[in-house]
C-alpha atoms as a PDB file:
ATOM      1  CA  UNK A   1       0.346   0.178  -0.143  1.00  0.00           C
ATOM      2  CA  UNK A   2       1.299   3.368  -1.053  1.00  0.00           C
ATOM      3  CA  UNK A   3       1.507   6.328   2.553  1.00  0.00           C
ATOM      4  CA  UNK A   4       3.147   9.333   2.475  1.00  0.00           C
ATOM      5  CA  UNK A   5       5.344  10.141   5.142  1.00  0.00           C
ATOM      6  CA  UNK A   6       4.499  13.109   7.750  1.00  0.00           C
ATOM      7  CA  UNK A   7       7.914  15.194   9.359  1.00  0.00           C
ATOM      8  CA  UNK A   8       7.079  17.071  12.591  1.00  0.00           C
ATOM      9  CA  UNK A   9       9.785  18.679  14.302  1.00  0.00           C
ATOM     10  CA  UNK A  10      12.569  16.026  14.442  1.00  0.00           C
ATOM     11  CA  UNK A  11       9.518  12.778  13.693  1.00  0.00           C
ATOM     12  CA  UNK A  12       8.892  11.127  10.514  1.00  0.00           C
ATOM     13  CA  UNK A  13       5.783   9.352  10.531  1.00  0.00           C
ATOM     14  CA  UNK A  14       3.811   7.344   7.807  1.00  0.00           C
ATOM     15  CA  UNK A  15       0.886   8.951   6.819  1.00  0.00           C
ATOM     16  CA  UNK A  16      -2.467   7.579   4.404  1.00  0.00           C
ATOM     17  CA  UNK A  17      -6.261   8.903   3.542  1.00  0.00           C
ATOM     18  CA  UNK A  18      -7.575   6.043   1.934  1.00  0.00           C
ATOM     19  CA  UNK A  19     -11.522   4.977   2.953  1.00  0.00           C
ATOM     20  CA  UNK A  20      -9.908   3.366   5.305  1.00  0.00           C
ATOM     21  CA  UNK A  21      -8.353   5.902   7.561  1.00  0.00           C
ATOM     22  CA  UNK A  22     -12.202   7.893   6.882  1.00  0.00           C
ATOM     23  CA  UNK A  23     -14.282   4.813   8.187  1.00  0.00           C
ATOM     24  CA  UNK A  24     -11.993   5.534  11.584  1.00  0.00           C
ATOM     25  CA  UNK A  25     -12.160   9.168  11.993  1.00  0.00           C
ATOM     26  CA  UNK A  26     -16.237   8.328  10.772  1.00  0.00           C
ATOM     27  CA  UNK A  27     -16.019   5.915  13.990  1.00  0.00           C
ATOM     28  CA  UNK A  28     -14.393   7.637  16.383  1.00  0.00           C
ATOM     29  CA  UNK A  29     -16.851  11.101  15.552  1.00  0.00           C
ATOM     30  CA  UNK A  30     -19.284  10.167  13.967  1.00  0.00           C
ATOM     31  CA  UNK A  31     -18.950  11.683  10.889  1.00  0.00           C
ATOM     32  CA  UNK A  32     -21.537  10.977   7.791  1.00  0.00           C
ATOM     33  CA  UNK A  33     -20.572  10.971   4.003  1.00  0.00           C
ATOM     34  CA  UNK A  34     -22.023  14.796   4.859  1.00  0.00           C
ATOM     35  CA  UNK A  35     -20.032  15.710   7.284  1.00  0.00           C
ATOM     36  CA  UNK A  36     -16.468  14.288   5.233  1.00  0.00           C
ATOM     37  CA  UNK A  37     -17.507  17.016   2.972  1.00  0.00           C
ATOM     38  CA  UNK A  38     -17.049  19.951   6.063  1.00  0.00           C
ATOM     39  CA  UNK A  39     -13.020  18.382   5.587  1.00  0.00           C
ATOM     40  CA  UNK A  40     -12.756  20.078   2.521  1.00  0.00           C
ATOM     41  CA  UNK A  41     -14.465  23.280   2.821  1.00  0.00           C
ATOM     42  CA  UNK A  42     -12.463  24.048   6.790  1.00  0.00           C
ATOM     43  CA  UNK A  43     -15.595  23.203   8.273  1.00  0.00           C
ATOM     44  CA  UNK A  44     -14.517  21.320  11.239  1.00  0.00           C
ATOM     45  CA  UNK A  45     -13.533  21.709  14.455  1.00  0.00           C
ATOM     46  CA  UNK A  46      -9.670  21.780  16.236  1.00  0.00           C
ATOM     47  CA  UNK A  47     -10.645  18.169  17.586  1.00  0.00           C
ATOM     48  CA  UNK A  48     -11.611  16.726  14.214  1.00  0.00           C
ATOM     49  CA  UNK A  49      -8.556  18.101  12.415  1.00  0.00           C
ATOM     50  CA  UNK A  50      -6.586  16.279  14.544  1.00  0.00           C
ATOM     51  CA  UNK A  51      -8.157  13.095  15.271  1.00  0.00           C
ATOM     52  CA  UNK A  52      -8.374  12.783  11.179  1.00  0.00           C
ATOM     53  CA  UNK A  53      -4.491  13.422  11.472  1.00  0.00           C
ATOM     54  CA  UNK A  54      -4.341  10.723  13.235  1.00  0.00           C
ATOM     55  CA  UNK A  55      -6.323   8.239  11.881  1.00  0.00           C
ATOM     56  CA  UNK A  56      -4.246  10.245   8.931  1.00  0.00           C
ATOM     57  CA  UNK A  57      -1.445   8.605  11.142  1.00  0.00           C
ATOM     58  CA  UNK A  58      -2.272   5.341  12.349  1.00  0.00           C
ATOM     59  CA  UNK A  59      -4.039   4.651   8.971  1.00  0.00           C
ATOM     60  CA  UNK A  60      -0.188   4.901   7.343  1.00  0.00           C
ATOM     61  CA  UNK A  61       2.201   3.134  10.253  1.00  0.00           C
ATOM     62  CA  UNK A  62      -1.092   0.091   9.456  1.00  0.00           C
ATOM     63  CA  UNK A  63       0.539   0.876   4.946  1.00  0.00           C
ATOM     64  CA  UNK A  64       3.457   0.419   6.266  1.00  0.00           C
ATOM     65  CA  UNK A  65       3.313  -2.470   8.305  1.00  0.00           C
ATOM     66  CA  UNK A  66       4.664  -0.483  11.652  1.00  0.00           C
ATOM     67  CA  UNK A  67       3.503  -0.714  15.111  1.00  0.00           C
ATOM     68  CA  UNK A  68       1.367   2.661  15.827  1.00  0.00           C
ATOM     69  CA  UNK A  69       1.109   2.987  19.700  1.00  0.00           C
ATOM     70  CA  UNK A  70       0.169   6.562  19.919  1.00  0.00           C
ATOM     71  CA  UNK A  71      -2.721   8.239  21.352  1.00  0.00           C
ATOM     72  CA  UNK A  72      -4.341  11.267  20.020  1.00  0.00           C
ATOM     73  CA  UNK A  73      -2.449  13.221  22.503  1.00  0.00           C
ATOM     74  CA  UNK A  74       0.227  11.684  22.276  1.00  0.00           C
ATOM     75  CA  UNK A  75       0.166  12.744  18.042  1.00  0.00           C
ATOM     76  CA  UNK A  76      -1.841  16.539  18.604  1.00  0.00           C
ATOM     77  CA  UNK A  77       1.751  16.976  21.645  1.00  0.00           C
ATOM     78  CA  UNK A  78       3.346  16.537  18.183  1.00  0.00           C
ATOM     79  CA  UNK A  79       2.931  19.795  16.864  1.00  0.00           C
ATOM     80  CA  UNK A  80       3.772  22.249  19.743  1.00  0.00           C
ATOM     81  CA  UNK A  81       6.433  24.467  18.865  1.00  0.00           C
ATOM     82  CA  UNK A  82       6.306  22.743  15.416  1.00  0.00           C
ATOM     83  CA  UNK A  83       3.171  24.175  13.366  1.00  0.00           C
ATOM     84  CA  UNK A  84       4.435  25.218  10.275  1.00  0.00           C
ATOM     85  CA  UNK A  85       4.695  20.968   9.690  1.00  0.00           C
END
């Protein structure tokens, strides 16, 4: 499976935004298909944005066959001081 590498500070994390990541995002947030359309317009909360990033990183790890042991808080904390990534 293909995936990208997201660099946040000194961390390099596999990232994949396929249907599985969107499915997991939907499970975690209760988002519907119509809610997913809001992602392209920027009408999302910070929690929604970071949950989506989390799901993309989680699925990137699955695609790259790496174990994933970070929490949503861990992923969000990576952005402190690294907002320009």
